[in-house]
C-alpha cells in the first residue's frame, strides 16, 4: 500500500514538533492513577502520590534546563517511549534521554 506524499510530510512535521519542546504531562493525575494500586503501605497513598509528583516535577525542572543538550532524534524517540502504554512520565523521559546520551560515550568496538 502506497502512502501519499502529503501524509508523509504531515507525519514528519508532527514528529519534529514533538521533539522541539518538552511535552506537557498531567503528573498529579498520572501519579494518582499509577499509585492507587501500588503504594507504600507504611506511608499511605497521599504521601506516595506526593512523592511521585515531587519526583516528576524535579525531572521536569532538569528537562527544562537540559532539553537543548539532547539530540533531536533522541528527544523524538524518548518522547514516544515516555508516552507508551498510556502513561506519561518526565522521569521516564529524562532517564531515556540520559541513557541515549551516555550510550554515545561508550567506546566503539
C-alpha atoms as a PDB file:
ATOM      1  CA  UNK A   1       0.000   0.000   0.000  1.00  0.00           C
ATOM      2  CA  UNK A   2       1.414   3.372  -1.003  1.00  0.00           C
ATOM      3  CA  UNK A   3       1.350   6.277   1.406  1.00  0.00           C
ATOM      4  CA  UNK A   4       0.581   9.665  -0.150  1.00  0.00           C
ATOM      5  CA  UNK A   5       3.413  12.206  -0.010  1.00  0.00           C
ATOM      6  CA  UNK A   6       1.145  14.658   1.833  1.00  0.00           C
ATOM      7  CA  UNK A   7       0.688  12.138   4.664  1.00  0.00           C
ATOM      8  CA  UNK A   8       4.443  11.629   4.943  1.00  0.00           C
ATOM      9  CA  UNK A   9       5.009  15.386   5.082  1.00  0.00           C
ATOM     10  CA  UNK A  10       2.324  15.824   7.738  1.00  0.00           C
ATOM     11  CA  UNK A  11       3.697  12.957   9.822  1.00  0.00           C
ATOM     12  CA  UNK A  12       7.213  14.387   9.643  1.00  0.00           C
ATOM     13  CA  UNK A  13       6.011  17.761  10.907  1.00  0.00           C
ATOM     14  CA  UNK A  14       4.269  16.116  13.854  1.00  0.00           C
ATOM     15  CA  UNK A  15       7.430  14.271  14.882  1.00  0.00           C
ATOM     16  CA  UNK A  16       9.539  17.410  14.662  1.00  0.00           C
ATOM     17  CA  UNK A  17       7.004  19.363  16.727  1.00  0.00           C
ATOM     18  CA  UNK A  18       7.133  16.757  19.480  1.00  0.00           C
ATOM     19  CA  UNK A  19      10.933  16.909  19.629  1.00  0.00           C
ATOM     20  CA  UNK A  20      11.147  20.710  19.616  1.00  0.00           C
ATOM     21  CA  UNK A  21       9.608  21.272  23.032  1.00  0.00           C
ATOM     22  CA  UNK A  22       9.133  19.413  26.268  1.00  0.00           C
ATOM     23  CA  UNK A  23       5.784  17.627  26.260  1.00  0.00           C
ATOM     24  CA  UNK A  24       3.131  18.647  28.788  1.00  0.00           C
ATOM     25  CA  UNK A  25       2.053  15.908  31.211  1.00  0.00           C
ATOM     26  CA  UNK A  26      -0.569  15.985  33.966  1.00  0.00           C
ATOM     27  CA  UNK A  27       1.741  14.473  36.569  1.00  0.00           C
ATOM     28  CA  UNK A  28      -0.645  14.816  39.501  1.00  0.00           C
ATOM     29  CA  UNK A  29      -3.302  12.814  37.666  1.00  0.00           C
ATOM     30  CA  UNK A  30      -0.807  10.263  36.411  1.00  0.00           C
ATOM     31  CA  UNK A  31       0.694   9.789  39.875  1.00  0.00           C
ATOM     32  CA  UNK A  32      -2.753   9.248  41.388  1.00  0.00           C
ATOM     33  CA  UNK A  33      -3.604   6.672  38.708  1.00  0.00           C
ATOM     34  CA  UNK A  34      -0.264   4.887  38.975  1.00  0.00           C
ATOM     35  CA  UNK A  35      -0.246   4.760  42.749  1.00  0.00           C
ATOM     36  CA  UNK A  36      -3.806   3.721  43.567  1.00  0.00           C
ATOM     37  CA  UNK A  37      -2.858   0.077  43.172  1.00  0.00           C
ATOM     38  CA  UNK A  38       0.808   0.185  44.172  1.00  0.00           C
ATOM     39  CA  UNK A  39       1.629   2.436  47.067  1.00  0.00           C
ATOM     40  CA  UNK A  40       3.859   2.329  50.108  1.00  0.00           C
ATOM     41  CA  UNK A  41       1.664   0.888  52.848  1.00  0.00           C
ATOM     42  CA  UNK A  42       3.885   2.357  55.535  1.00  0.00           C
ATOM     43  CA  UNK A  43       3.295   5.964  54.382  1.00  0.00           C
ATOM     44  CA  UNK A  44      -0.129   5.736  52.776  1.00  0.00           C
ATOM     45  CA  UNK A  45      -1.469   6.722  49.385  1.00  0.00           C
ATOM     46  CA  UNK A  46      -1.352  10.512  49.839  1.00  0.00           C
ATOM     47  CA  UNK A  47       2.352  10.554  50.737  1.00  0.00           C
ATOM     48  CA  UNK A  48       3.177   8.141  47.904  1.00  0.00           C
ATOM     49  CA  UNK A  49       1.375  10.364  45.389  1.00  0.00           C
ATOM     50  CA  UNK A  50       3.115  13.474  46.795  1.00  0.00           C
ATOM     51  CA  UNK A  51       6.496  11.747  46.417  1.00  0.00           C
ATOM     52  CA  UNK A  52       5.651  10.765  42.834  1.00  0.00           C
ATOM     53  CA  UNK A  53       4.596  14.325  41.935  1.00  0.00           C
ATOM     54  CA  UNK A  54       7.752  15.697  43.545  1.00  0.00           C
ATOM     55  CA  UNK A  55       9.929  13.296  41.521  1.00  0.00           C
ATOM     56  CA  UNK A  56       8.108  14.195  38.293  1.00  0.00           C
ATOM     57  CA  UNK A  57       8.422  17.937  38.913  1.00  0.00           C
ATOM     58  CA  UNK A  58      12.128  17.536  39.685  1.00  0.00           C
ATOM     59  CA  UNK A  59      12.621  15.673  36.402  1.00  0.00           C
ATOM     60  CA  UNK A  60      10.698  18.408  34.560  1.00  0.00           C
ATOM     61  CA  UNK A  61      12.985  21.090  36.038  1.00  0.00           C
ATOM     62  CA  UNK A  62      16.022  19.139  34.829  1.00  0.00           C
ATOM     63  CA  UNK A  63      14.486  18.736  31.375  1.00  0.00           C
ATOM     64  CA  UNK A  64      13.800  22.472  31.189  1.00  0.00           C
ATOM     65  CA  UNK A  65      17.492  23.237  31.689  1.00  0.00           C
ATOM     66  CA  UNK A  66      18.920  20.336  29.642  1.00  0.00           C
ATOM     67  CA  UNK A  67      16.414  19.839  26.780  1.00  0.00           C
ATOM     68  CA  UNK A  68      18.526  21.534  24.114  1.00  0.00           C
ATOM     69  CA  UNK A  69      21.557  19.407  25.057  1.00  0.00           C
ATOM     70  CA  UNK A  70      19.864  16.222  23.852  1.00  0.00           C
ATOM     71  CA  UNK A  71      19.795  15.226  20.196  1.00  0.00           C
ATOM     72  CA  UNK A  72      16.555  15.864  18.369  1.00  0.00           C
ATOM     73  CA  UNK A  73      16.345  12.216  17.311  1.00  0.00           C
ATOM     74  CA  UNK A  74      16.703  11.098  20.942  1.00  0.00           C
ATOM     75  CA  UNK A  75      14.049  13.587  22.062  1.00  0.00           C
ATOM     76  CA  UNK A  76      11.648  12.205  19.463  1.00  0.00           C
ATOM     77  CA  UNK A  77      12.261   8.552  20.342  1.00  0.00           C
ATOM     78  CA  UNK A  78      12.241   9.111  24.097  1.00  0.00           C
ATOM     79  CA  UNK A  79       9.088  11.228  23.995  1.00  0.00           C
ATOM     80  CA  UNK A  80       7.345   8.346  22.254  1.00  0.00           C
ATOM     81  CA  UNK A  81       8.648   5.872  24.828  1.00  0.00           C
ATOM     82  CA  UNK A  82       7.657   8.127  27.736  1.00  0.00           C
ATOM     83  CA  UNK A  83       4.069   8.089  26.410  1.00  0.00           C
ATOM     84  CA  UNK A  84       3.956   4.352  25.700  1.00  0.00           C
ATOM     85  CA  UNK A  85       1.219   2.338  27.297  1.00  0.00           C
ATOM     86  CA  UNK A  86      -0.889   5.375  28.116  1.00  0.00           C
ATOM     87  CA  UNK A  87       1.433   6.593  30.842  1.00  0.00           C
ATOM     88  CA  UNK A  88       3.354   9.837  30.670  1.00  0.00           C
ATOM     89  CA  UNK A  89       6.414  10.406  32.797  1.00  0.00           C
ATOM     90  CA  UNK A  90       9.045  13.129  32.943  1.00  0.00           C
ATOM     91  CA  UNK A  91      11.199  10.750  34.981  1.00  0.00           C
ATOM     92  CA  UNK A  92      10.964   8.159  32.200  1.00  0.00           C
ATOM     93  CA  UNK A  93      11.639  10.775  29.526  1.00  0.00           C
ATOM     94  CA  UNK A  94      14.686  12.155  31.342  1.00  0.00           C
ATOM     95  CA  UNK A  95      16.048   8.668  32.023  1.00  0.00           C
ATOM     96  CA  UNK A  96      15.695   7.666  28.368  1.00  0.00           C
ATOM     97  CA  UNK A  97      17.444  10.843  27.189  1.00  0.00           C
ATOM     98  CA  UNK A  98      20.299  10.425  29.657  1.00  0.00           C
ATOM     99  CA  UNK A  99      20.803   6.785  28.662  1.00  0.00           C
ATOM    100  CA  UNK A 100      20.847   7.675  24.964  1.00  0.00           C
ATOM    101  CA  UNK A 101      23.410  10.420  25.608  1.00  0.00           C
ATOM    102  CA  UNK A 102      25.570   8.150  27.786  1.00  0.00           C
ATOM    103  CA  UNK A 103      25.446   5.338  25.232  1.00  0.00           C
ATOM    104  CA  UNK A 104      27.233   7.554  22.718  1.00  0.00           C
ATOM    105  CA  UNK A 105      30.116   7.977  25.161  1.00  0.00           C
ATOM    106  CA  UNK A 106      30.800   4.243  25.299  1.00  0.00           C
ATOM    107  CA  UNK A 107      33.904   3.114  23.413  1.00  0.00           C
ATOM    108  CA  UNK A 108      33.268   1.793  19.913  1.00  0.00           C
ATOM    109  CA  UNK A 109      34.370  -1.797  19.385  1.00  0.00           C
END
